[in-house]
């Protein structure tokens, strides 16, 4: 037998700042009506797959917390409909899962790359304003790595190392595009060499690098199946980190299929904050520089294997249309009733 963990790394629904094309990292941007529908669809999709989450973590920012709450709401509906004793976990809201802090750029418009400059629009804007009084720089990659490491050490790794007895978990982590990319890379550093594989369906066509699986659409998710045989060698101590542990991150792309869900072209607002990730990777895949990084993880997921099942899953968005007249892009107001609420549900005897 083997321990099994299904892990879903999920981005929040569309926000008013995605639509307005402004930077919103630490800014507590609200879901649009369309984003609320995306998150509702996602919860219903997981319900239809028969998933029962044992743990739900989210950023404390409302766009992620509300997305997570809608996933939980669908889980609670399953328990009620089945009249079962299933316990639906509360959402654990964690500040360490918040998006990259854009500092001075919070709430400001995105800047397109100038045609006559080798700098990105954001970097050019930074150079022009860095001496401005009150200027606060963008959060560093090292700071983000430390934050997600603390999440892995305090919340995910204990599930992996908890016991030698069979224990299956289904875990949702609802967060933001950039920090999810950092979380994935830091998780890769915890794993043994050659322990990550693509599912046969994904391995058939598309080519990706394990380090760079692509961005997260709004409510897009990365689905990972993690397993470990119950009989294993002792977990490696920190000082026993294999010198070539990073070999599991190939420098050449891996053949994969398209994600299981490609219902529509990704919009600019879908991929906005994900696209802001610096082009240089947080951790390189080969060479002594990668091993010498001061940001090596303190705990390893020794013995665990991962199969990537879904990349940027969006099956739940099939057929979802944005409400016209600007309504879909407006801030979601929980006090507003939808049309279904005006019809009394018939009581089933």
C-alpha atoms as a PDB file:
ATOM      1  CA  UNK A   1       0.000   0.000   0.000  1.00  0.00           C
ATOM      2  CA  UNK A   2       1.000   3.627  -0.388  1.00  0.00           C
ATOM      3  CA  UNK A   3       0.157   6.965   1.106  1.00  0.00           C
ATOM      4  CA  UNK A   4      -1.717   9.141  -1.365  1.00  0.00           C
ATOM      5  CA  UNK A   5      -2.169  12.901  -1.552  1.00  0.00           C
ATOM      6  CA  UNK A   6      -4.043  14.753  -4.267  1.00  0.00           C
ATOM      7  CA  UNK A   7      -2.834  18.337  -4.332  1.00  0.00           C
ATOM      8  CA  UNK A   8      -4.562  21.159  -6.213  1.00  0.00           C
ATOM      9  CA  UNK A   9      -2.787  24.504  -6.646  1.00  0.00           C
ATOM     10  CA  UNK A  10      -5.561  26.917  -7.621  1.00  0.00           C
ATOM     11  CA  UNK A  11      -5.615  30.550  -8.678  1.00  0.00           C
ATOM     12  CA  UNK A  12      -8.416  32.840  -7.521  1.00  0.00           C
ATOM     13  CA  UNK A  13     -11.285  34.059  -9.705  1.00  0.00           C
ATOM     14  CA  UNK A  14     -11.194  37.209 -11.826  1.00  0.00           C
ATOM     15  CA  UNK A  15     -10.936  40.501  -9.920  1.00  0.00           C
ATOM     16  CA  UNK A  16     -11.857  44.103 -10.570  1.00  0.00           C
ATOM     17  CA  UNK A  17      -8.146  44.935 -10.775  1.00  0.00           C
ATOM     18  CA  UNK A  18      -7.571  42.191 -13.362  1.00  0.00           C
ATOM     19  CA  UNK A  19     -10.234  43.889 -15.479  1.00  0.00           C
ATOM     20  CA  UNK A  20      -8.871  47.386 -14.799  1.00  0.00           C
ATOM     21  CA  UNK A  21      -5.334  46.195 -15.636  1.00  0.00           C
ATOM     22  CA  UNK A  22      -3.695  47.501 -12.495  1.00  0.00           C
ATOM     23  CA  UNK A  23      -1.155  45.856 -10.207  1.00  0.00           C
ATOM     24  CA  UNK A  24      -2.769  44.117  -7.253  1.00  0.00           C
ATOM     25  CA  UNK A  25      -0.444  42.008  -5.158  1.00  0.00           C
ATOM     26  CA  UNK A  26      -0.967  42.934  -1.519  1.00  0.00           C
ATOM     27  CA  UNK A  27      -3.894  45.135  -2.585  1.00  0.00           C
ATOM     28  CA  UNK A  28      -7.092  43.385  -1.475  1.00  0.00           C
ATOM     29  CA  UNK A  29      -8.831  43.315  -4.847  1.00  0.00           C
ATOM     30  CA  UNK A  30     -12.411  42.038  -4.993  1.00  0.00           C
ATOM     31  CA  UNK A  31     -13.902  39.377  -7.252  1.00  0.00           C
ATOM     32  CA  UNK A  32     -15.971  40.478 -10.207  1.00  0.00           C
ATOM     33  CA  UNK A  33     -19.369  38.913 -10.841  1.00  0.00           C
ATOM     34  CA  UNK A  34     -17.666  36.841 -13.534  1.00  0.00           C
ATOM     35  CA  UNK A  35     -14.921  35.820 -11.105  1.00  0.00           C
ATOM     36  CA  UNK A  36     -17.547  34.747  -8.593  1.00  0.00           C
ATOM     37  CA  UNK A  37     -19.176  32.573 -11.259  1.00  0.00           C
ATOM     38  CA  UNK A  38     -15.781  31.096 -12.164  1.00  0.00           C
ATOM     39  CA  UNK A  39     -15.170  30.114  -8.533  1.00  0.00           C
ATOM     40  CA  UNK A  40     -18.698  28.733  -8.162  1.00  0.00           C
ATOM     41  CA  UNK A  41     -18.192  26.626 -11.287  1.00  0.00           C
ATOM     42  CA  UNK A  42     -14.895  25.346  -9.916  1.00  0.00           C
ATOM     43  CA  UNK A  43     -16.475  24.198  -6.665  1.00  0.00           C
ATOM     44  CA  UNK A  44     -19.249  22.434  -8.557  1.00  0.00           C
ATOM     45  CA  UNK A  45     -16.678  20.845 -10.866  1.00  0.00           C
ATOM     46  CA  UNK A  46     -14.726  19.371  -7.953  1.00  0.00           C
ATOM     47  CA  UNK A  47     -18.010  18.155  -6.476  1.00  0.00           C
ATOM     48  CA  UNK A  48     -18.908  16.417  -9.755  1.00  0.00           C
ATOM     49  CA  UNK A  49     -15.535  14.646  -9.696  1.00  0.00           C
ATOM     50  CA  UNK A  50     -16.367  13.209  -6.285  1.00  0.00           C
ATOM     51  CA  UNK A  51     -13.511  15.009  -4.548  1.00  0.00           C
ATOM     52  CA  UNK A  52     -13.681  15.393  -0.775  1.00  0.00           C
ATOM     53  CA  UNK A  53     -11.092  17.885   0.428  1.00  0.00           C
ATOM     54  CA  UNK A  54      -9.447  17.109   3.737  1.00  0.00           C
ATOM     55  CA  UNK A  55      -7.574  20.418   3.847  1.00  0.00           C
ATOM     56  CA  UNK A  56      -8.292  23.790   2.216  1.00  0.00           C
ATOM     57  CA  UNK A  57      -5.673  26.530   2.473  1.00  0.00           C
ATOM     58  CA  UNK A  58      -5.927  30.002   0.987  1.00  0.00           C
ATOM     59  CA  UNK A  59      -4.322  33.386   0.968  1.00  0.00           C
ATOM     60  CA  UNK A  60      -5.991  35.761   3.424  1.00  0.00           C
ATOM     61  CA  UNK A  61      -6.717  38.226   0.600  1.00  0.00           C
ATOM     62  CA  UNK A  62     -10.407  38.169  -0.209  1.00  0.00           C
ATOM     63  CA  UNK A  63     -10.120  37.182  -3.871  1.00  0.00           C
ATOM     64  CA  UNK A  64      -8.468  33.906  -2.843  1.00  0.00           C
ATOM     65  CA  UNK A  65     -10.406  33.451   0.405  1.00  0.00           C
ATOM     66  CA  UNK A  66     -13.773  33.843  -1.365  1.00  0.00           C
ATOM     67  CA  UNK A  67     -12.722  31.448  -4.114  1.00  0.00           C
ATOM     68  CA  UNK A  68     -11.753  28.913  -1.443  1.00  0.00           C
ATOM     69  CA  UNK A  69     -15.034  29.512   0.408  1.00  0.00           C
ATOM     70  CA  UNK A  70     -17.016  28.686  -2.739  1.00  0.00           C
ATOM     71  CA  UNK A  71     -15.052  25.451  -3.149  1.00  0.00           C
ATOM     72  CA  UNK A  72     -15.860  24.611   0.460  1.00  0.00           C
ATOM     73  CA  UNK A  73     -19.516  25.555  -0.032  1.00  0.00           C
ATOM     74  CA  UNK A  74     -19.840  22.970  -2.803  1.00  0.00           C
ATOM     75  CA  UNK A  75     -18.209  20.398  -0.517  1.00  0.00           C
ATOM     76  CA  UNK A  76     -20.719  21.194   2.233  1.00  0.00           C
ATOM     77  CA  UNK A  77     -23.548  20.708  -0.271  1.00  0.00           C
ATOM     78  CA  UNK A  78     -22.232  17.212  -1.023  1.00  0.00           C
ATOM     79  CA  UNK A  79     -22.347  16.325   2.668  1.00  0.00           C
ATOM     80  CA  UNK A  80     -25.916  17.650   3.014  1.00  0.00           C
ATOM     81  CA  UNK A  81     -27.205  15.995  -0.162  1.00  0.00           C
ATOM     82  CA  UNK A  82     -25.755  12.628   0.792  1.00  0.00           C
ATOM     83  CA  UNK A  83     -26.877  12.960   4.422  1.00  0.00           C
ATOM     84  CA  UNK A  84     -23.426  11.669   5.310  1.00  0.00           C
ATOM     85  CA  UNK A  85     -21.155  12.262   8.260  1.00  0.00           C
ATOM     86  CA  UNK A  86     -18.489  13.817   6.035  1.00  0.00           C
ATOM     87  CA  UNK A  87     -16.637  16.624   7.774  1.00  0.00           C
ATOM     88  CA  UNK A  88     -15.976  19.623   5.569  1.00  0.00           C
ATOM     89  CA  UNK A  89     -12.775  21.388   6.666  1.00  0.00           C
ATOM     90  CA  UNK A  90     -12.720  25.093   7.350  1.00  0.00           C
ATOM     91  CA  UNK A  91     -10.612  27.255   5.072  1.00  0.00           C
ATOM     92  CA  UNK A  92      -7.265  28.089   6.678  1.00  0.00           C
ATOM     93  CA  UNK A  93      -6.455  31.643   5.572  1.00  0.00           C
ATOM     94  CA  UNK A  94      -2.704  32.216   5.620  1.00  0.00           C
ATOM     95  CA  UNK A  95      -0.903  35.532   4.941  1.00  0.00           C
ATOM     96  CA  UNK A  96       2.169  33.594   3.736  1.00  0.00           C
ATOM     97  CA  UNK A  97       0.141  32.582   0.655  1.00  0.00           C
ATOM     98  CA  UNK A  98      -0.573  36.170  -0.415  1.00  0.00           C
ATOM     99  CA  UNK A  99       0.580  37.443  -3.802  1.00  0.00           C
ATOM    100  CA  UNK A 100       3.907  39.138  -4.437  1.00  0.00           C
ATOM    101  CA  UNK A 101       3.848  42.648  -2.983  1.00  0.00           C
ATOM    102  CA  UNK A 102       4.305  45.103  -5.863  1.00  0.00           C
ATOM    103  CA  UNK A 103       5.289  47.913  -3.504  1.00  0.00           C
ATOM    104  CA  UNK A 104       5.209  51.292  -5.236  1.00  0.00           C
ATOM    105  CA  UNK A 105       3.298  49.768  -8.157  1.00  0.00           C
ATOM    106  CA  UNK A 106       0.302  48.577  -6.130  1.00  0.00           C
ATOM    107  CA  UNK A 107      -2.868  49.988  -7.686  1.00  0.00           C
ATOM    108  CA  UNK A 108      -1.007  51.437 -10.680  1.00  0.00           C
ATOM    109  CA  UNK A 109      -1.620  50.561 -14.319  1.00  0.00           C
ATOM    110  CA  UNK A 110       0.392  47.878 -16.074  1.00  0.00           C
ATOM    111  CA  UNK A 111       3.125  49.227 -18.313  1.00  0.00           C
ATOM    112  CA  UNK A 112       3.735  47.719 -21.738  1.00  0.00           C
ATOM    113  CA  UNK A 113       7.325  47.112 -22.812  1.00  0.00           C
ATOM    114  CA  UNK A 114       8.562  50.238 -24.645  1.00  0.00           C
ATOM    115  CA  UNK A 115       9.538  49.514 -28.253  1.00  0.00           C
ATOM    116  CA  UNK A 116      12.852  51.388 -28.004  1.00  0.00           C
ATOM    117  CA  UNK A 117      14.034  49.975 -24.691  1.00  0.00           C
ATOM    118  CA  UNK A 118      15.484  46.703 -23.518  1.00  0.00           C
ATOM    119  CA  UNK A 119      13.737  47.193 -20.175  1.00  0.00           C
ATOM    120  CA  UNK A 120      10.252  46.027 -19.370  1.00  0.00           C
ATOM    121  CA  UNK A 121       7.687  48.742 -18.850  1.00  0.00           C
ATOM    122  CA  UNK A 122       7.623  47.925 -15.150  1.00  0.00           C
ATOM    123  CA  UNK A 123      11.425  48.163 -14.851  1.00  0.00           C
ATOM    124  CA  UNK A 124      11.539  51.416 -16.829  1.00  0.00           C
ATOM    125  CA  UNK A 125       8.856  52.847 -14.549  1.00  0.00           C
ATOM    126  CA  UNK A 126      10.865  51.667 -11.537  1.00  0.00           C
ATOM    127  CA  UNK A 127      14.018  53.385 -12.754  1.00  0.00           C
ATOM    128  CA  UNK A 128      12.069  56.610 -13.219  1.00  0.00           C
ATOM    129  CA  UNK A 129      10.505  56.549  -9.750  1.00  0.00           C
ATOM    130  CA  UNK A 130      12.962  54.710  -7.479  1.00  0.00           C
ATOM    131  CA  UNK A 131      14.251  57.994  -6.019  1.00  0.00           C
ATOM    132  CA  UNK A 132      10.738  59.284  -5.373  1.00  0.00           C
ATOM    133  CA  UNK A 133       9.948  59.910  -1.714  1.00  0.00           C
ATOM    134  CA  UNK A 134       7.994  56.998  -0.284  1.00  0.00           C
ATOM    135  CA  UNK A 135       9.066  54.586  -3.025  1.00  0.00           C
ATOM    136  CA  UNK A 136       8.692  50.941  -1.921  1.00  0.00           C
ATOM    137  CA  UNK A 137      10.332  48.314  -4.118  1.00  0.00           C
ATOM    138  CA  UNK A 138       8.727  45.095  -5.341  1.00  0.00           C
ATOM    139  CA  UNK A 139       8.998  42.089  -3.026  1.00  0.00           C
ATOM    140  CA  UNK A 140      12.059  40.019  -3.887  1.00  0.00           C
ATOM    141  CA  UNK A 141      12.064  36.433  -5.133  1.00  0.00           C
ATOM    142  CA  UNK A 142      14.001  35.470  -2.004  1.00  0.00           C
ATOM    143  CA  UNK A 143      11.261  36.863   0.218  1.00  0.00           C
ATOM    144  CA  UNK A 144       8.582  34.953  -1.685  1.00  0.00           C
ATOM    145  CA  UNK A 145      10.639  31.759  -1.481  1.00  0.00           C
ATOM    146  CA  UNK A 146      10.937  32.130   2.281  1.00  0.00           C
ATOM    147  CA  UNK A 147       7.181  32.636   2.600  1.00  0.00           C
ATOM    148  CA  UNK A 148       6.222  29.550   0.610  1.00  0.00           C
ATOM    149  CA  UNK A 149       8.918  27.517   2.368  1.00  0.00           C
ATOM    150  CA  UNK A 150       7.267  28.363   5.676  1.00  0.00           C
ATOM    151  CA  UNK A 151       3.928  27.164   4.264  1.00  0.00           C
ATOM    152  CA  UNK A 152       5.444  23.916   3.018  1.00  0.00           C
ATOM    153  CA  UNK A 153       7.230  23.276   6.320  1.00  0.00           C
ATOM    154  CA  UNK A 154       4.263  24.107   8.544  1.00  0.00           C
ATOM    155  CA  UNK A 155       1.339  22.736   6.544  1.00  0.00           C
ATOM    156  CA  UNK A 156       2.154  20.448   3.607  1.00  0.00           C
ATOM    157  CA  UNK A 157       5.258  18.573   4.742  1.00  0.00           C
ATOM    158  CA  UNK A 158       3.600  17.425   8.013  1.00  0.00           C
ATOM    159  CA  UNK A 159       0.958  15.663   5.909  1.00  0.00           C
ATOM    160  CA  UNK A 160       3.723  13.863   4.028  1.00  0.00           C
ATOM    161  CA  UNK A 161       5.729  12.911   7.111  1.00  0.00           C
ATOM    162  CA  UNK A 162       2.899  12.358   9.577  1.00  0.00           C
ATOM    163  CA  UNK A 163       2.765   8.562   9.758  1.00  0.00           C
ATOM    164  CA  UNK A 164       3.742   5.265   8.176  1.00  0.00           C
ATOM    165  CA  UNK A 165       0.092   4.231   8.206  1.00  0.00           C
ATOM    166  CA  UNK A 166      -2.034   4.571   5.055  1.00  0.00           C
ATOM    167  CA  UNK A 167      -3.493   8.065   4.963  1.00  0.00           C
ATOM    168  CA  UNK A 168      -5.084   9.681   1.933  1.00  0.00           C
ATOM    169  CA  UNK A 169      -5.506  13.439   1.752  1.00  0.00           C
ATOM    170  CA  UNK A 170      -7.022  15.768  -0.815  1.00  0.00           C
ATOM    171  CA  UNK A 171      -5.596  19.261  -0.442  1.00  0.00           C
ATOM    172  CA  UNK A 172      -6.579  22.559  -2.063  1.00  0.00           C
ATOM    173  CA  UNK A 173      -4.265  25.571  -2.000  1.00  0.00           C
ATOM    174  CA  UNK A 174      -6.013  28.685  -3.322  1.00  0.00           C
ATOM    175  CA  UNK A 175      -3.638  31.536  -3.982  1.00  0.00           C
ATOM    176  CA  UNK A 176      -2.276  33.830  -6.696  1.00  0.00           C
ATOM    177  CA  UNK A 177      -0.513  33.401 -10.027  1.00  0.00           C
ATOM    178  CA  UNK A 178       3.022  34.467  -9.170  1.00  0.00           C
ATOM    179  CA  UNK A 179       3.221  32.947  -5.704  1.00  0.00           C
ATOM    180  CA  UNK A 180       1.796  29.645  -7.001  1.00  0.00           C
ATOM    181  CA  UNK A 181       4.653  29.475  -9.502  1.00  0.00           C
ATOM    182  CA  UNK A 182       7.129  30.040  -6.670  1.00  0.00           C
ATOM    183  CA  UNK A 183       5.363  27.424  -4.535  1.00  0.00           C
ATOM    184  CA  UNK A 184       5.612  24.841  -7.317  1.00  0.00           C
ATOM    185  CA  UNK A 185       9.337  25.485  -7.809  1.00  0.00           C
ATOM    186  CA  UNK A 186      10.041  25.269  -4.090  1.00  0.00           C
ATOM    187  CA  UNK A 187       8.081  22.024  -3.864  1.00  0.00           C
ATOM    188  CA  UNK A 188      10.206  20.592  -6.679  1.00  0.00           C
ATOM    189  CA  UNK A 189      13.317  21.285  -4.613  1.00  0.00           C
ATOM    190  CA  UNK A 190      11.961  19.037  -1.852  1.00  0.00           C
ATOM    191  CA  UNK A 191      11.591  15.982  -4.076  1.00  0.00           C
ATOM    192  CA  UNK A 192      14.063  13.194  -4.892  1.00  0.00           C
ATOM    193  CA  UNK A 193      15.711  13.132  -8.341  1.00  0.00           C
ATOM    194  CA  UNK A 194      13.561  11.757 -11.151  1.00  0.00           C
ATOM    195  CA  UNK A 195      10.480  11.649  -8.922  1.00  0.00           C
ATOM    196  CA  UNK A 196       8.186  13.853 -11.031  1.00  0.00           C
ATOM    197  CA  UNK A 197       6.394  12.564 -14.116  1.00  0.00           C
ATOM    198  CA  UNK A 198       3.625  13.640 -16.444  1.00  0.00           C
ATOM    199  CA  UNK A 199       0.479  11.573 -16.766  1.00  0.00           C
ATOM    200  CA  UNK A 200       0.298   9.488 -19.971  1.00  0.00           C
ATOM    201  CA  UNK A 201      -2.365  11.865 -21.298  1.00  0.00           C
ATOM    202  CA  UNK A 202      -0.188  14.918 -20.733  1.00  0.00           C
ATOM    203  CA  UNK A 203       2.968  13.183 -21.956  1.00  0.00           C
ATOM    204  CA  UNK A 204       1.513  12.577 -25.416  1.00  0.00           C
ATOM    205  CA  UNK A 205       1.819  15.923 -27.182  1.00  0.00           C
ATOM    206  CA  UNK A 206       2.798  19.238 -25.568  1.00  0.00           C
ATOM    207  CA  UNK A 207       6.320  20.118 -24.462  1.00  0.00           C
ATOM    208  CA  UNK A 208       6.898  21.895 -21.146  1.00  0.00           C
ATOM    209  CA  UNK A 209       9.686  22.294 -18.620  1.00  0.00           C
ATOM    210  CA  UNK A 210       8.895  21.025 -15.142  1.00  0.00           C
ATOM    211  CA  UNK A 211      10.107  24.305 -13.689  1.00  0.00           C
ATOM    212  CA  UNK A 212       7.921  26.381 -15.958  1.00  0.00           C
ATOM    213  CA  UNK A 213       4.555  24.740 -16.515  1.00  0.00           C
ATOM    214  CA  UNK A 214       2.986  27.994 -17.682  1.00  0.00           C
ATOM    215  CA  UNK A 215       0.712  30.516 -16.034  1.00  0.00           C
ATOM    216  CA  UNK A 216      -2.514  30.072 -14.116  1.00  0.00           C
ATOM    217  CA  UNK A 217      -5.743  31.388 -15.620  1.00  0.00           C
ATOM    218  CA  UNK A 218      -8.349  32.731 -13.214  1.00  0.00           C
ATOM    219  CA  UNK A 219      -9.528  29.613 -11.294  1.00  0.00           C
ATOM    220  CA  UNK A 220      -7.107  27.491 -13.320  1.00  0.00           C
ATOM    221  CA  UNK A 221      -5.502  24.693 -11.309  1.00  0.00           C
ATOM    222  CA  UNK A 222      -2.501  22.397 -11.252  1.00  0.00           C
ATOM    223  CA  UNK A 223      -3.491  18.869 -10.195  1.00  0.00           C
ATOM    224  CA  UNK A 224      -0.820  16.647  -8.653  1.00  0.00           C
ATOM    225  CA  UNK A 225      -1.079  13.025  -7.541  1.00  0.00           C
ATOM    226  CA  UNK A 226       1.494  12.344  -4.831  1.00  0.00           C
ATOM    227  CA  UNK A 227       2.276   8.864  -3.535  1.00  0.00           C
ATOM    228  CA  UNK A 228       4.805   7.080  -1.351  1.00  0.00           C
ATOM    229  CA  UNK A 229       5.160   3.359  -0.573  1.00  0.00           C
ATOM    230  CA  UNK A 230       4.776   2.736   3.151  1.00  0.00           C
ATOM    231  CA  UNK A 231       8.167   1.021   3.503  1.00  0.00           C
ATOM    232  CA  UNK A 232      10.800   3.713   3.064  1.00  0.00           C
ATOM    233  CA  UNK A 233      14.274   4.674   4.190  1.00  0.00           C
ATOM    234  CA  UNK A 234      14.428   7.306   6.962  1.00  0.00           C
ATOM    235  CA  UNK A 235      13.756  10.870   5.860  1.00  0.00           C
ATOM    236  CA  UNK A 236      16.948  12.696   4.932  1.00  0.00           C
ATOM    237  CA  UNK A 237      18.226  15.304   7.340  1.00  0.00           C
ATOM    238  CA  UNK A 238      18.944  18.813   6.096  1.00  0.00           C
ATOM    239  CA  UNK A 239      22.693  18.207   5.934  1.00  0.00           C
ATOM    240  CA  UNK A 240      22.118  15.105   3.816  1.00  0.00           C
ATOM    241  CA  UNK A 241      20.751  17.082   0.884  1.00  0.00           C
ATOM    242  CA  UNK A 242      21.907  15.316  -2.296  1.00  0.00           C
ATOM    243  CA  UNK A 243      24.347  17.563  -4.192  1.00  0.00           C
ATOM    244  CA  UNK A 244      22.518  16.861  -7.428  1.00  0.00           C
ATOM    245  CA  UNK A 245      18.992  16.985  -6.034  1.00  0.00           C
ATOM    246  CA  UNK A 246      18.031  19.547  -8.611  1.00  0.00           C
ATOM    247  CA  UNK A 247      18.502  17.052 -11.431  1.00  0.00           C
ATOM    248  CA  UNK A 248      14.778  16.378 -11.230  1.00  0.00           C
ATOM    249  CA  UNK A 249      14.291  19.738 -12.953  1.00  0.00           C
ATOM    250  CA  UNK A 250      15.228  19.068 -16.590  1.00  0.00           C
ATOM    251  CA  UNK A 251      16.903  21.778 -18.616  1.00  0.00           C
ATOM    252  CA  UNK A 252      15.173  20.494 -21.746  1.00  0.00           C
ATOM    253  CA  UNK A 253      11.386  20.564 -22.214  1.00  0.00           C
ATOM    254  CA  UNK A 254       9.393  17.411 -21.557  1.00  0.00           C
ATOM    255  CA  UNK A 255       6.834  16.076 -24.031  1.00  0.00           C
ATOM    256  CA  UNK A 256       3.325  16.639 -22.727  1.00  0.00           C
ATOM    257  CA  UNK A 257      -0.241  16.891 -23.914  1.00  0.00           C
ATOM    258  CA  UNK A 258      -2.390  19.957 -23.741  1.00  0.00           C
ATOM    259  CA  UNK A 259      -4.018  20.600 -20.401  1.00  0.00           C
ATOM    260  CA  UNK A 260      -7.211  18.641 -19.866  1.00  0.00           C
ATOM    261  CA  UNK A 261      -9.241  21.801 -20.254  1.00  0.00           C
ATOM    262  CA  UNK A 262      -8.811  24.373 -23.035  1.00  0.00           C
ATOM    263  CA  UNK A 263     -12.341  25.751 -23.363  1.00  0.00           C
ATOM    264  CA  UNK A 264     -11.401  29.213 -24.524  1.00  0.00           C
ATOM    265  CA  UNK A 265      -8.430  31.424 -25.243  1.00  0.00           C
ATOM    266  CA  UNK A 266      -6.825  32.836 -22.139  1.00  0.00           C
ATOM    267  CA  UNK A 267      -7.683  36.505 -21.775  1.00  0.00           C
ATOM    268  CA  UNK A 268      -5.290  39.219 -20.716  1.00  0.00           C
ATOM    269  CA  UNK A 269      -7.070  39.583 -17.389  1.00  0.00           C
ATOM    270  CA  UNK A 270      -6.854  35.805 -16.885  1.00  0.00           C
ATOM    271  CA  UNK A 271      -3.063  35.782 -17.008  1.00  0.00           C
ATOM    272  CA  UNK A 272      -2.282  39.321 -15.842  1.00  0.00           C
ATOM    273  CA  UNK A 273      -0.374  38.924 -12.591  1.00  0.00           C
ATOM    274  CA  UNK A 274       1.079  35.562 -13.625  1.00  0.00           C
ATOM    275  CA  UNK A 275       2.706  37.262 -16.606  1.00  0.00           C
ATOM    276  CA  UNK A 276       4.611  39.558 -14.255  1.00  0.00           C
ATOM    277  CA  UNK A 277       6.976  36.794 -13.123  1.00  0.00           C
ATOM    278  CA  UNK A 278      10.594  37.698 -13.830  1.00  0.00           C
ATOM    279  CA  UNK A 279      12.065  35.877 -16.804  1.00  0.00           C
ATOM    280  CA  UNK A 280      14.993  34.600 -14.764  1.00  0.00           C
ATOM    281  CA  UNK A 281      13.927  31.466 -12.869  1.00  0.00           C
ATOM    282  CA  UNK A 282      13.896  31.499  -9.092  1.00  0.00           C
ATOM    283  CA  UNK A 283      16.052  28.366  -9.059  1.00  0.00           C
ATOM    284  CA  UNK A 284      18.062  27.105 -11.996  1.00  0.00           C
ATOM    285  CA  UNK A 285      17.921  23.438 -12.899  1.00  0.00           C
ATOM    286  CA  UNK A 286      21.564  22.519 -13.290  1.00  0.00           C
ATOM    287  CA  UNK A 287      25.064  23.532 -12.282  1.00  0.00           C
ATOM    288  CA  UNK A 288      26.795  24.464  -9.033  1.00  0.00           C
ATOM    289  CA  UNK A 289      25.051  27.831  -8.793  1.00  0.00           C
ATOM    290  CA  UNK A 290      21.737  26.094  -8.189  1.00  0.00           C
ATOM    291  CA  UNK A 291      23.179  23.986  -5.378  1.00  0.00           C
ATOM    292  CA  UNK A 292      24.921  26.988  -3.823  1.00  0.00           C
ATOM    293  CA  UNK A 293      21.708  29.005  -3.428  1.00  0.00           C
ATOM    294  CA  UNK A 294      21.181  30.146   0.194  1.00  0.00           C
ATOM    295  CA  UNK A 295      17.497  29.297  -0.167  1.00  0.00           C
ATOM    296  CA  UNK A 296      17.750  25.522   0.016  1.00  0.00           C
ATOM    297  CA  UNK A 297      14.731  23.883   1.666  1.00  0.00           C
ATOM    298  CA  UNK A 298      15.085  22.688   5.239  1.00  0.00           C
ATOM    299  CA  UNK A 299      12.905  19.577   4.864  1.00  0.00           C
ATOM    300  CA  UNK A 300      12.698  17.054   2.034  1.00  0.00           C
ATOM    301  CA  UNK A 301       9.788  14.959   0.797  1.00  0.00           C
ATOM    302  CA  UNK A 302      11.949  11.850   0.699  1.00  0.00           C
ATOM    303  CA  UNK A 303      10.370   8.856  -1.036  1.00  0.00           C
ATOM    304  CA  UNK A 304       7.470  10.745  -2.571  1.00  0.00           C
ATOM    305  CA  UNK A 305       6.594  10.573  -6.265  1.00  0.00           C
ATOM    306  CA  UNK A 306       4.437  13.072  -8.162  1.00  0.00           C
ATOM    307  CA  UNK A 307       2.378  12.559 -11.298  1.00  0.00           C
ATOM    308  CA  UNK A 308       1.172  15.788 -12.879  1.00  0.00           C
ATOM    309  CA  UNK A 309      -2.421  15.160 -13.933  1.00  0.00           C
ATOM    310  CA  UNK A 310      -3.672  18.582 -15.029  1.00  0.00           C
ATOM    311  CA  UNK A 311      -1.949  21.829 -15.987  1.00  0.00           C
ATOM    312  CA  UNK A 312      -4.055  24.996 -15.799  1.00  0.00           C
ATOM    313  CA  UNK A 313      -7.266  22.953 -15.593  1.00  0.00           C
ATOM    314  CA  UNK A 314     -10.269  24.887 -16.900  1.00  0.00           C
ATOM    315  CA  UNK A 315     -12.892  22.281 -17.716  1.00  0.00           C
ATOM    316  CA  UNK A 316     -15.228  24.025 -15.301  1.00  0.00           C
ATOM    317  CA  UNK A 317     -15.258  27.136 -17.488  1.00  0.00           C
ATOM    318  CA  UNK A 318     -16.716  25.440 -20.542  1.00  0.00           C
ATOM    319  CA  UNK A 319     -19.728  27.398 -21.741  1.00  0.00           C
ATOM    320  CA  UNK A 320     -19.383  30.139 -19.121  1.00  0.00           C
ATOM    321  CA  UNK A 321     -20.188  33.510 -20.697  1.00  0.00           C
ATOM    322  CA  UNK A 322     -19.501  36.906 -19.216  1.00  0.00           C
ATOM    323  CA  UNK A 323     -22.685  38.814 -18.414  1.00  0.00           C
ATOM    324  CA  UNK A 324     -22.983  41.783 -20.751  1.00  0.00           C
ATOM    325  CA  UNK A 325     -23.559  45.449 -20.110  1.00  0.00           C
ATOM    326  CA  UNK A 326     -20.544  45.668 -17.812  1.00  0.00           C
ATOM    327  CA  UNK A 327     -22.283  43.546 -15.161  1.00  0.00           C
ATOM    328  CA  UNK A 328     -19.865  40.632 -15.454  1.00  0.00           C
ATOM    329  CA  UNK A 329     -16.853  42.905 -14.945  1.00  0.00           C
ATOM    330  CA  UNK A 330     -18.372  44.730 -11.979  1.00  0.00           C
ATOM    331  CA  UNK A 331     -17.534  44.023  -8.350  1.00  0.00           C
ATOM    332  CA  UNK A 332     -19.472  41.095  -6.942  1.00  0.00           C
ATOM    333  CA  UNK A 333     -21.921  42.188  -4.267  1.00  0.00           C
ATOM    334  CA  UNK A 334     -22.952  39.343  -1.978  1.00  0.00           C
ATOM    335  CA  UNK A 335     -26.092  41.239  -0.967  1.00  0.00           C
ATOM    336  CA  UNK A 336     -27.456  41.090  -4.500  1.00  0.00           C
ATOM    337  CA  UNK A 337     -29.760  38.174  -5.262  1.00  0.00           C
ATOM    338  CA  UNK A 338     -29.515  36.111  -8.413  1.00  0.00           C
ATOM    339  CA  UNK A 339     -32.638  35.183 -10.334  1.00  0.00           C
ATOM    340  CA  UNK A 340     -32.799  31.686  -8.826  1.00  0.00           C
ATOM    341  CA  UNK A 341     -33.383  33.150  -5.375  1.00  0.00           C
ATOM    342  CA  UNK A 342     -36.752  34.526  -6.472  1.00  0.00           C
ATOM    343  CA  UNK A 343     -38.146  31.048  -7.044  1.00  0.00           C
ATOM    344  CA  UNK A 344     -39.042  29.028  -3.970  1.00  0.00           C
ATOM    345  CA  UNK A 345     -37.570  25.537  -4.076  1.00  0.00           C
ATOM    346  CA  UNK A 346     -40.228  22.844  -3.813  1.00  0.00           C
ATOM    347  CA  UNK A 347     -39.869  20.777  -0.676  1.00  0.00           C
ATOM    348  CA  UNK A 348     -39.207  17.103  -1.344  1.00  0.00           C
ATOM    349  CA  UNK A 349     -41.349  14.855   0.882  1.00  0.00           C
END
